[in-house]
PDB file of N, CA and C in Angstrom:
ATOM      1  N   UNK A   1       0.826  -1.178   0.000  1.00  0.00           N
ATOM      2  CA  UNK A   1       0.000   0.000   0.000  1.00  0.00           C
ATOM      3  C   UNK A   1       0.880   1.254   0.000  1.00  0.00           C
ATOM      4  N   UNK A   2       1.923   1.243   0.812  1.00  0.00           N
ATOM      5  CA  UNK A   2       2.830   2.392   0.859  1.00  0.00           C
ATOM      6  C   UNK A   2       3.553   2.535  -0.476  1.00  0.00           C
ATOM      7  N   UNK A   3       4.000   1.411  -1.024  1.00  0.00           N
ATOM      8  CA  UNK A   3       4.716   1.463  -2.307  1.00  0.00           C
ATOM      9  C   UNK A   3       3.804   1.948  -3.426  1.00  0.00           C
ATOM     10  N   UNK A   4       2.561   1.519  -3.423  1.00  0.00           N
ATOM     11  CA  UNK A   4       1.629   1.960  -4.459  1.00  0.00           C
ATOM     12  C   UNK A   4       1.324   3.446  -4.317  1.00  0.00           C
ATOM     13  N   UNK A   5       1.180   3.918  -3.097  1.00  0.00           N
ATOM     14  CA  UNK A   5       0.981   5.352  -2.879  1.00  0.00           C
ATOM     15  C   UNK A   5       2.205   6.142  -3.332  1.00  0.00           C
ATOM     16  N   UNK A   6       3.372   5.602  -3.044  1.00  0.00           N
ATOM     17  CA  UNK A   6       4.607   6.269  -3.462  1.00  0.00           C
ATOM     18  C   UNK A   6       4.733   6.277  -4.981  1.00  0.00           C
ATOM     19  N   UNK A   7       4.143   5.297  -5.641  1.00  0.00           N
ATOM     20  CA  UNK A   7       4.177   5.256  -7.100  1.00  0.00           C
ATOM     21  C   UNK A   7       3.535   6.503  -7.687  1.00  0.00           C
ATOM     22  N   UNK A   8       2.415   6.920  -7.109  1.00  0.00           N
ATOM     23  CA  UNK A   8       1.769   8.154  -7.565  1.00  0.00           C
ATOM     24  C   UNK A   8       2.653   9.360  -7.259  1.00  0.00           C
ATOM     25  N   UNK A   9       3.247   9.358  -6.084  1.00  0.00           N
ATOM     26  CA  UNK A   9       4.097  10.482  -5.667  1.00  0.00           C
ATOM     27  C   UNK A   9       5.398  10.565  -6.460  1.00  0.00           C
ATOM     28  N   UNK A  10       5.842   9.446  -7.036  1.00  0.00           N
ATOM     29  CA  UNK A  10       7.127   9.424  -7.744  1.00  0.00           C
ATOM     30  C   UNK A  10       7.099  10.209  -9.054  1.00  0.00           C
ATOM     31  N   UNK A  11       5.883  10.528  -9.531  1.00  0.00           N
ATOM     32  CA  UNK A  11       5.734  11.296 -10.772  1.00  0.00           C
ATOM     33  C   UNK A  11       6.483  10.628 -11.927  1.00  0.00           C
ATOM     34  N   UNK A  12       6.083   9.373 -12.191  1.00  0.00           N
ATOM     35  CA  UNK A  12       6.707   8.559 -13.251  1.00  0.00           C
ATOM     36  C   UNK A  12       8.198   8.344 -13.009  1.00  0.00           C
ATOM     37  N   UNK A  13       8.555   8.101 -11.753  1.00  0.00           N
ATOM     38  CA  UNK A  13       9.934   7.850 -11.328  1.00  0.00           C
ATOM     39  C   UNK A  13      10.872   9.027 -11.592  1.00  0.00           C
ATOM     40  N   UNK A  14      10.348  10.233 -11.532  1.00  0.00           N
ATOM     41  CA  UNK A  14      11.197  11.412 -11.694  1.00  0.00           C
ATOM     42  C   UNK A  14      11.607  12.011 -10.347  1.00  0.00           C
ATOM     43  N   UNK A  15      10.979  11.562  -9.262  1.00  0.00           N
ATOM     44  CA  UNK A  15      11.341  12.020  -7.919  1.00  0.00           C
ATOM     45  C   UNK A  15      12.029  10.863  -7.193  1.00  0.00           C
ATOM     46  N   UNK A  16      13.217  11.113  -6.665  1.00  0.00           N
ATOM     47  CA  UNK A  16      14.056  10.050  -6.117  1.00  0.00           C
ATOM     48  C   UNK A  16      13.466   9.353  -4.898  1.00  0.00           C
ATOM     49  N   UNK A  17      13.104  10.095  -3.877  1.00  0.00           N
ATOM     50  CA  UNK A  17      12.673   9.479  -2.618  1.00  0.00           C
ATOM     51  C   UNK A  17      11.418   8.620  -2.805  1.00  0.00           C
ATOM     52  N   UNK A  18      10.352   9.132  -3.433  1.00  0.00           N
ATOM     53  CA  UNK A  18       9.196   8.248  -3.640  1.00  0.00           C
ATOM     54  C   UNK A  18       9.538   7.040  -4.520  1.00  0.00           C
ATOM     55  N   UNK A  19      10.421   7.222  -5.485  1.00  0.00           N
ATOM     56  CA  UNK A  19      10.822   6.109  -6.345  1.00  0.00           C
ATOM     57  C   UNK A  19      11.529   5.021  -5.543  1.00  0.00           C
ATOM     58  N   UNK A  20      12.352   5.424  -4.583  1.00  0.00           N
ATOM     59  CA  UNK A  20      13.015   4.445  -3.715  1.00  0.00           C
ATOM     60  C   UNK A  20      11.999   3.701  -2.852  1.00  0.00           C
ATOM     61  N   UNK A  21      10.988   4.410  -2.355  1.00  0.00           N
ATOM     62  CA  UNK A  21       9.924   3.764  -1.591  1.00  0.00           C
ATOM     63  C   UNK A  21       9.220   2.705  -2.440  1.00  0.00           C
ATOM     64  N   UNK A  22       8.990   3.013  -3.707  1.00  0.00           N
ATOM     65  CA  UNK A  22       8.337   2.066  -4.609  1.00  0.00           C
ATOM     66  C   UNK A  22       9.201   0.818  -4.769  1.00  0.00           C
ATOM     67  N   UNK A  23      10.450   1.000  -5.109  1.00  0.00           N
ATOM     68  CA  UNK A  23      11.337  -0.135  -5.377  1.00  0.00           C
ATOM     69  C   UNK A  23      11.525  -0.992  -4.128  1.00  0.00           C
ATOM     70  N   UNK A  24      11.816  -0.356  -3.010  1.00  0.00           N
ATOM     71  CA  UNK A  24      12.026  -1.097  -1.765  1.00  0.00           C
ATOM     72  C   UNK A  24      10.728  -1.727  -1.281  1.00  0.00           C
ATOM     73  N   UNK A  25       9.642  -0.958  -1.335  1.00  0.00           N
ATOM     74  CA  UNK A  25       8.348  -1.465  -0.869  1.00  0.00           C
ATOM     75  C   UNK A  25       7.855  -2.665  -1.651  1.00  0.00           C
ATOM     76  N   UNK A  26       7.955  -2.589  -2.983  1.00  0.00           N
ATOM     77  CA  UNK A  26       7.522  -3.737  -3.786  1.00  0.00           C
ATOM     78  C   UNK A  26       8.451  -4.929  -3.599  1.00  0.00           C
ATOM     79  N   UNK A  27       9.727  -4.693  -3.413  1.00  0.00           N
ATOM     80  CA  UNK A  27      10.660  -5.798  -3.160  1.00  0.00           C
ATOM     81  C   UNK A  27      10.300  -6.522  -1.868  1.00  0.00           C
ATOM     82  N   UNK A  28      10.036  -5.770  -0.816  1.00  0.00           N
ATOM     83  CA  UNK A  28       9.636  -6.367   0.462  1.00  0.00           C
ATOM     84  C   UNK A  28       8.301  -7.098   0.315  1.00  0.00           C
ATOM     85  N   UNK A  29       7.354  -6.477  -0.383  1.00  0.00           N
ATOM     86  CA  UNK A  29       6.039  -7.090  -0.567  1.00  0.00           C
ATOM     87  C   UNK A  29       6.137  -8.424  -1.286  1.00  0.00           C
ATOM     88  N   UNK A  30       6.898  -8.463  -2.370  1.00  0.00           N
ATOM     89  CA  UNK A  30       7.020  -9.711  -3.118  1.00  0.00           C
ATOM     90  C   UNK A  30       7.787 -10.770  -2.336  1.00  0.00           C
ATOM     91  N   UNK A  31       8.731 -10.353  -1.510  1.00  0.00           N
ATOM     92  CA  UNK A  31       9.435 -11.309  -0.659  1.00  0.00           C
ATOM     93  C   UNK A  31       8.439 -11.984   0.292  1.00  0.00           C
ATOM     94  N   UNK A  32       7.628 -11.180   0.983  1.00  0.00           N
ATOM     95  CA  UNK A  32       6.671 -11.753   1.918  1.00  0.00           C
ATOM     96  C   UNK A  32       5.573 -12.531   1.196  1.00  0.00           C
ATOM     97  N   UNK A  33       5.213 -12.106  -0.001  1.00  0.00           N
ATOM     98  CA  UNK A  33       4.256 -12.876  -0.802  1.00  0.00           C
ATOM     99  C   UNK A  33       4.836 -14.253  -1.107  1.00  0.00           C
ATOM    100  N   UNK A  34       6.114 -14.318  -1.434  1.00  0.00           N
ATOM    101  CA  UNK A  34       6.733 -15.609  -1.733  1.00  0.00           C
ATOM    102  C   UNK A  34       6.763 -16.512  -0.504  1.00  0.00           C
ATOM    103  N   UNK A  35       6.930 -15.949   0.687  1.00  0.00           N
ATOM    104  CA  UNK A  35       6.888 -16.752   1.910  1.00  0.00           C
ATOM    105  C   UNK A  35       5.500 -17.339   2.134  1.00  0.00           C
ATOM    106  N   UNK A  36       4.489 -16.551   1.839  1.00  0.00           N
ATOM    107  CA  UNK A  36       3.115 -17.006   2.005  1.00  0.00           C
ATOM    108  C   UNK A  36       2.804 -18.186   1.088  1.00  0.00           C
ATOM    109  N   UNK A  37       3.419 -18.195  -0.071  1.00  0.00           N
ATOM    110  CA  UNK A  37       3.155 -19.266  -1.036  1.00  0.00           C
ATOM    111  C   UNK A  37       3.654 -20.628  -0.559  1.00  0.00           C
ATOM    112  N   UNK A  38       4.443 -20.662   0.500  1.00  0.00           N
ATOM    113  CA  UNK A  38       4.864 -21.942   1.082  1.00  0.00           C
ATOM    114  C   UNK A  38       3.688 -22.648   1.751  1.00  0.00           C
ATOM    115  N   UNK A  39       2.700 -21.886   2.200  1.00  0.00           N
ATOM    116  CA  UNK A  39       1.599 -22.445   2.981  1.00  0.00           C
ATOM    117  C   UNK A  39       0.235 -22.362   2.312  1.00  0.00           C
ATOM    118  N   UNK A  40       0.063 -21.481   1.335  1.00  0.00           N
ATOM    119  CA  UNK A  40      -1.225 -21.301   0.680  1.00  0.00           C
ATOM    120  C   UNK A  40      -1.073 -21.480  -0.818  1.00  0.00           C
ATOM    121  N   UNK A  41      -2.164 -21.803  -1.467  1.00  0.00           N
ATOM    122  CA  UNK A  41      -2.124 -21.923  -2.920  1.00  0.00           C
ATOM    123  C   UNK A  41      -1.943 -20.541  -3.546  1.00  0.00           C
ATOM    124  N   UNK A  42      -1.409 -20.529  -4.743  1.00  0.00           N
ATOM    125  CA  UNK A  42      -1.111 -19.257  -5.410  1.00  0.00           C
ATOM    126  C   UNK A  42      -2.390 -18.469  -5.703  1.00  0.00           C
ATOM    127  N   UNK A  43      -3.476 -19.160  -6.069  1.00  0.00           N
ATOM    128  CA  UNK A  43      -4.732 -18.469  -6.370  1.00  0.00           C
ATOM    129  C   UNK A  43      -5.325 -17.787  -5.155  1.00  0.00           C
ATOM    130  N   UNK A  44      -5.392 -18.515  -4.041  1.00  0.00           N
ATOM    131  CA  UNK A  44      -5.938 -17.948  -2.801  1.00  0.00           C
ATOM    132  C   UNK A  44      -5.048 -16.812  -2.309  1.00  0.00           C
ATOM    133  N   UNK A  45      -3.739 -17.038  -2.338  1.00  0.00           N
ATOM    134  CA  UNK A  45      -2.801 -16.007  -1.885  1.00  0.00           C
ATOM    135  C   UNK A  45      -2.962 -14.728  -2.692  1.00  0.00           C
ATOM    136  N   UNK A  46      -2.989 -14.864  -4.001  1.00  0.00           N
ATOM    137  CA  UNK A  46      -3.071 -13.677  -4.847  1.00  0.00           C
ATOM    138  C   UNK A  46      -4.429 -13.000  -4.730  1.00  0.00           C
ATOM    139  N   UNK A  47      -5.490 -13.773  -4.565  1.00  0.00           N
ATOM    140  CA  UNK A  47      -6.820 -13.186  -4.400  1.00  0.00           C
ATOM    141  C   UNK A  47      -6.877 -12.325  -3.141  1.00  0.00           C
ATOM    142  N   UNK A  48      -6.352 -12.837  -2.058  1.00  0.00           N
ATOM    143  CA  UNK A  48      -6.363 -12.079  -0.806  1.00  0.00           C
ATOM    144  C   UNK A  48      -5.433 -10.876  -0.904  1.00  0.00           C
ATOM    145  N   UNK A  49      -4.235 -11.074  -1.436  1.00  0.00           N
ATOM    146  CA  UNK A  49      -3.244 -10.001  -1.536  1.00  0.00           C
ATOM    147  C   UNK A  49      -3.753  -8.862  -2.417  1.00  0.00           C
ATOM    148  N   UNK A  50      -4.269  -9.208  -3.573  1.00  0.00           N
ATOM    149  CA  UNK A  50      -4.736  -8.155  -4.477  1.00  0.00           C
ATOM    150  C   UNK A  50      -6.030  -7.524  -3.973  1.00  0.00           C
ATOM    151  N   UNK A  51      -6.930  -8.336  -3.411  1.00  0.00           N
ATOM    152  CA  UNK A  51      -8.183  -7.801  -2.891  1.00  0.00           C
ATOM    153  C   UNK A  51      -7.970  -6.824  -1.751  1.00  0.00           C
ATOM    154  N   UNK A  52      -7.137  -7.205  -0.795  1.00  0.00           N
ATOM    155  CA  UNK A  52      -6.839  -6.287   0.310  1.00  0.00           C
ATOM    156  C   UNK A  52      -6.125  -5.041  -0.196  1.00  0.00           C
ATOM    157  N   UNK A  53      -5.256  -5.221  -1.176  1.00  0.00           N
ATOM    158  CA  UNK A  53      -4.570  -4.069  -1.762  1.00  0.00           C
ATOM    159  C   UNK A  53      -5.545  -3.087  -2.384  1.00  0.00           C
ATOM    160  N   UNK A  54      -6.527  -3.603  -3.103  1.00  0.00           N
ATOM    161  CA  UNK A  54      -7.548  -2.749  -3.715  1.00  0.00           C
ATOM    162  C   UNK A  54      -8.316  -1.982  -2.643  1.00  0.00           C
ATOM    163  N   UNK A  55      -8.765  -2.698  -1.624  1.00  0.00           N
ATOM    164  CA  UNK A  55      -9.524  -2.041  -0.550  1.00  0.00           C
ATOM    165  C   UNK A  55      -8.700  -0.948   0.128  1.00  0.00           C
ATOM    166  N   UNK A  56      -7.476  -1.267   0.484  1.00  0.00           N
ATOM    167  CA  UNK A  56      -6.652  -0.309   1.221  1.00  0.00           C
ATOM    168  C   UNK A  56      -6.229   0.873   0.362  1.00  0.00           C
ATOM    169  N   UNK A  57      -5.885   0.626  -0.893  1.00  0.00           N
ATOM    170  CA  UNK A  57      -5.445   1.740  -1.737  1.00  0.00           C
ATOM    171  C   UNK A  57      -6.615   2.661  -2.080  1.00  0.00           C
ATOM    172  N   UNK A  58      -7.823   2.125  -2.114  1.00  0.00           N
ATOM    173  CA  UNK A  58      -8.996   2.997  -2.291  1.00  0.00           C
ATOM    174  C   UNK A  58      -9.155   3.931  -1.104  1.00  0.00           C
ATOM    175  N   UNK A  59      -8.896   3.428   0.091  1.00  0.00           N
ATOM    176  CA  UNK A  59      -8.953   4.286   1.278  1.00  0.00           C
ATOM    177  C   UNK A  59      -7.857   5.346   1.231  1.00  0.00           C
ATOM    178  N   UNK A  60      -6.667   4.971   0.814  1.00  0.00           N
ATOM    179  CA  UNK A  60      -5.581   5.943   0.674  1.00  0.00           C
ATOM    180  C   UNK A  60      -5.958   7.001  -0.363  1.00  0.00           C
ATOM    181  N   UNK A  61      -6.502   6.565  -1.484  1.00  0.00           N
ATOM    182  CA  UNK A  61      -6.913   7.505  -2.524  1.00  0.00           C
ATOM    183  C   UNK A  61      -7.938   8.502  -2.018  1.00  0.00           C
ATOM    184  N   UNK A  62      -8.867   8.022  -1.207  1.00  0.00           N
ATOM    185  CA  UNK A  62      -9.902   8.891  -0.665  1.00  0.00           C
ATOM    186  C   UNK A  62      -9.329   9.882   0.351  1.00  0.00           C
ATOM    187  N   UNK A  63      -8.576   9.374   1.330  1.00  0.00           N
ATOM    188  CA  UNK A  63      -8.102  10.229   2.417  1.00  0.00           C
ATOM    189  C   UNK A  63      -6.869  11.053   2.047  1.00  0.00           C
ATOM    190  N   UNK A  64      -5.973  10.509   1.251  1.00  0.00           N
ATOM    191  CA  UNK A  64      -4.726  11.224   0.934  1.00  0.00           C
ATOM    192  C   UNK A  64      -4.864  12.124  -0.287  1.00  0.00           C
ATOM    193  N   UNK A  65      -5.582  11.624  -1.302  1.00  0.00           N
ATOM    194  CA  UNK A  65      -5.635  12.356  -2.569  1.00  0.00           C
ATOM    195  C   UNK A  65      -7.013  12.938  -2.881  1.00  0.00           C
ATOM    196  N   UNK A  66      -7.971  12.752  -1.995  1.00  0.00           N
ATOM    197  CA  UNK A  66      -9.300  13.322  -2.205  1.00  0.00           C
ATOM    198  C   UNK A  66     -10.040  12.721  -3.387  1.00  0.00           C
ATOM    199  N   UNK A  67      -9.743  11.474  -3.711  1.00  0.00           N
ATOM    200  CA  UNK A  67     -10.389  10.805  -4.841  1.00  0.00           C
ATOM    201  C   UNK A  67     -11.670  10.132  -4.364  1.00  0.00           C
ATOM    202  N   UNK A  68     -12.762  10.457  -5.009  1.00  0.00           N
ATOM    203  CA  UNK A  68     -14.051   9.895  -4.633  1.00  0.00           C
ATOM    204  C   UNK A  68     -14.437   8.764  -5.572  1.00  0.00           C
ATOM    205  N   UNK A  69     -15.207   7.821  -5.048  1.00  0.00           N
ATOM    206  CA  UNK A  69     -15.724   6.715  -5.832  1.00  0.00           C
ATOM    207  C   UNK A  69     -17.227   6.894  -6.007  1.00  0.00           C
ATOM    208  N   UNK A  70     -17.728   6.526  -7.171  1.00  0.00           N
ATOM    209  CA  UNK A  70     -19.175   6.566  -7.355  1.00  0.00           C
ATOM    210  C   UNK A  70     -19.801   5.295  -6.766  1.00  0.00           C
ATOM    211  N   UNK A  71     -21.121   5.267  -6.740  1.00  0.00           N
ATOM    212  CA  UNK A  71     -21.838   4.174  -6.089  1.00  0.00           C
ATOM    213  C   UNK A  71     -21.497   2.804  -6.686  1.00  0.00           C
ATOM    214  N   UNK A  72     -21.473   2.639  -8.020  1.00  0.00           N
ATOM    215  CA  UNK A  72     -21.108   1.324  -8.561  1.00  0.00           C
ATOM    216  C   UNK A  72     -19.701   0.881  -8.159  1.00  0.00           C
ATOM    217  N   UNK A  73     -18.754   1.814  -8.091  1.00  0.00           N
ATOM    218  CA  UNK A  73     -17.396   1.470  -7.672  1.00  0.00           C
ATOM    219  C   UNK A  73     -17.367   1.011  -6.217  1.00  0.00           C
ATOM    220  N   UNK A  74     -18.115   1.697  -5.373  1.00  0.00           N
ATOM    221  CA  UNK A  74     -18.187   1.309  -3.954  1.00  0.00           C
ATOM    222  C   UNK A  74     -18.789  -0.082  -3.813  1.00  0.00           C
ATOM    223  N   UNK A  75     -19.860  -0.353  -4.545  1.00  0.00           N
ATOM    224  CA  UNK A  75     -20.485  -1.678  -4.500  1.00  0.00           C
ATOM    225  C   UNK A  75     -19.494  -2.745  -4.966  1.00  0.00           C
ATOM    226  N   UNK A  76     -18.791  -2.484  -6.059  1.00  0.00           N
ATOM    227  CA  UNK A  76     -17.811  -3.447  -6.564  1.00  0.00           C
ATOM    228  C   UNK A  76     -16.709  -3.719  -5.556  1.00  0.00           C
ATOM    229  N   UNK A  77     -16.228  -2.685  -4.899  1.00  0.00           N
ATOM    230  CA  UNK A  77     -15.173  -2.854  -3.906  1.00  0.00           C
ATOM    231  C   UNK A  77     -15.708  -3.590  -2.683  1.00  0.00           C
ATOM    232  N   UNK A  78     -16.954  -3.327  -2.315  1.00  0.00           N
ATOM    233  CA  UNK A  78     -17.564  -4.090  -1.215  1.00  0.00           C
ATOM    234  C   UNK A  78     -17.656  -5.570  -1.566  1.00  0.00           C
ATOM    235  N   UNK A  79     -17.971  -5.895  -2.815  1.00  0.00           N
ATOM    236  CA  UNK A  79     -17.998  -7.294  -3.243  1.00  0.00           C
ATOM    237  C   UNK A  79     -16.618  -7.936  -3.100  1.00  0.00           C
ATOM    238  N   UNK A  80     -15.581  -7.183  -3.413  1.00  0.00           N
ATOM    239  CA  UNK A  80     -14.221  -7.701  -3.241  1.00  0.00           C
ATOM    240  C   UNK A  80     -13.968  -8.007  -1.764  1.00  0.00           C
ATOM    241  N   UNK A  81     -14.347  -7.085  -0.895  1.00  0.00           N
ATOM    242  CA  UNK A  81     -14.191  -7.301   0.544  1.00  0.00           C
ATOM    243  C   UNK A  81     -14.977  -8.497   1.039  1.00  0.00           C
ATOM    244  N   UNK A  82     -16.197  -8.640   0.554  1.00  0.00           N
ATOM    245  CA  UNK A  82     -17.019  -9.790   0.937  1.00  0.00           C
ATOM    246  C   UNK A  82     -16.370 -11.081   0.441  1.00  0.00           C
ATOM    247  N   UNK A  83     -15.806 -11.040  -0.757  1.00  0.00           N
ATOM    248  CA  UNK A  83     -15.110 -12.209  -1.287  1.00  0.00           C
ATOM    249  C   UNK A  83     -13.934 -12.624  -0.414  1.00  0.00           C
ATOM    250  N   UNK A  84     -13.178 -11.649   0.070  1.00  0.00           N
ATOM    251  CA  UNK A  84     -12.054 -11.951   0.959  1.00  0.00           C
ATOM    252  C   UNK A  84     -12.556 -12.590   2.249  1.00  0.00           C
ATOM    253  N   UNK A  85     -13.635 -12.057   2.798  1.00  0.00           N
ATOM    254  CA  UNK A  85     -14.201 -12.625   4.029  1.00  0.00           C
ATOM    255  C   UNK A  85     -14.716 -14.046   3.806  1.00  0.00           C
ATOM    256  N   UNK A  86     -15.337 -14.296   2.668  1.00  0.00           N
ATOM    257  CA  UNK A  86     -15.819 -15.643   2.361  1.00  0.00           C
ATOM    258  C   UNK A  86     -14.647 -16.618   2.292  1.00  0.00           C
ATOM    259  N   UNK A  87     -13.581 -16.212   1.612  1.00  0.00           N
ATOM    260  CA  UNK A  87     -12.401 -17.071   1.538  1.00  0.00           C
ATOM    261  C   UNK A  87     -11.852 -17.335   2.938  1.00  0.00           C
ATOM    262  N   UNK A  88     -11.725 -16.276   3.717  1.00  0.00           N
ATOM    263  CA  UNK A  88     -11.134 -16.401   5.049  1.00  0.00           C
ATOM    264  C   UNK A  88     -11.931 -17.308   5.982  1.00  0.00           C
ATOM    265  N   UNK A  89     -13.242 -17.172   5.965  1.00  0.00           N
ATOM    266  CA  UNK A  89     -14.041 -17.884   6.966  1.00  0.00           C
ATOM    267  C   UNK A  89     -14.683 -19.181   6.467  1.00  0.00           C
ATOM    268  N   UNK A  90     -14.785 -19.383   5.185  1.00  0.00           N
ATOM    269  CA  UNK A  90     -15.511 -20.550   4.677  1.00  0.00           C
ATOM    270  C   UNK A  90     -14.696 -21.479   3.780  1.00  0.00           C
ATOM    271  N   UNK A  91     -13.577 -21.019   3.260  1.00  0.00           N
ATOM    272  CA  UNK A  91     -12.817 -21.849   2.329  1.00  0.00           C
ATOM    273  C   UNK A  91     -11.885 -22.795   3.078  1.00  0.00           C
ATOM    274  N   UNK A  92     -11.907 -24.057   2.672  1.00  0.00           N
ATOM    275  CA  UNK A  92     -10.959 -25.002   3.247  1.00  0.00           C
ATOM    276  C   UNK A  92      -9.590 -24.854   2.582  1.00  0.00           C
ATOM    277  N   UNK A  93      -9.509 -24.153   1.471  1.00  0.00           N
ATOM    278  CA  UNK A  93      -8.238 -23.951   0.765  1.00  0.00           C
ATOM    279  C   UNK A  93      -7.267 -23.103   1.575  1.00  0.00           C
ATOM    280  N   UNK A  94      -7.780 -22.280   2.469  1.00  0.00           N
ATOM    281  CA  UNK A  94      -6.910 -21.383   3.228  1.00  0.00           C
ATOM    282  C   UNK A  94      -6.194 -22.137   4.345  1.00  0.00           C
ATOM    283  N   UNK A  95      -6.669 -23.301   4.703  1.00  0.00           N
ATOM    284  CA  UNK A  95      -6.065 -24.071   5.793  1.00  0.00           C
ATOM    285  C   UNK A  95      -5.227 -25.229   5.286  1.00  0.00           C
ATOM    286  N   UNK A  96      -4.553 -25.040   4.155  1.00  0.00           N
ATOM    287  CA  UNK A  96      -3.737 -26.124   3.583  1.00  0.00           C
ATOM    288  C   UNK A  96      -2.580 -26.477   4.462  1.00  0.00           C
TER     289      UNK A  96
END
């Protein structure tokens, strides 16, 4: 989430400090994603990782950048959140 926010701040990698946050942040994220793949399937892992990323970056966009979502976008993002909860509480795939 921090790396993705820094991506916007980097201004197409023309600003050094935000660009470093992007490179370091994504490197750390992918490292921890690879550790997770030892215990979970790639589909479940990526669904949760990307879904939570979408939810959190939408909040950052709203609070940090003043970006508003229309009603259909909010409903779609809520469906993503509900999907993550369904996987977490009802899927046997998460307990591999």
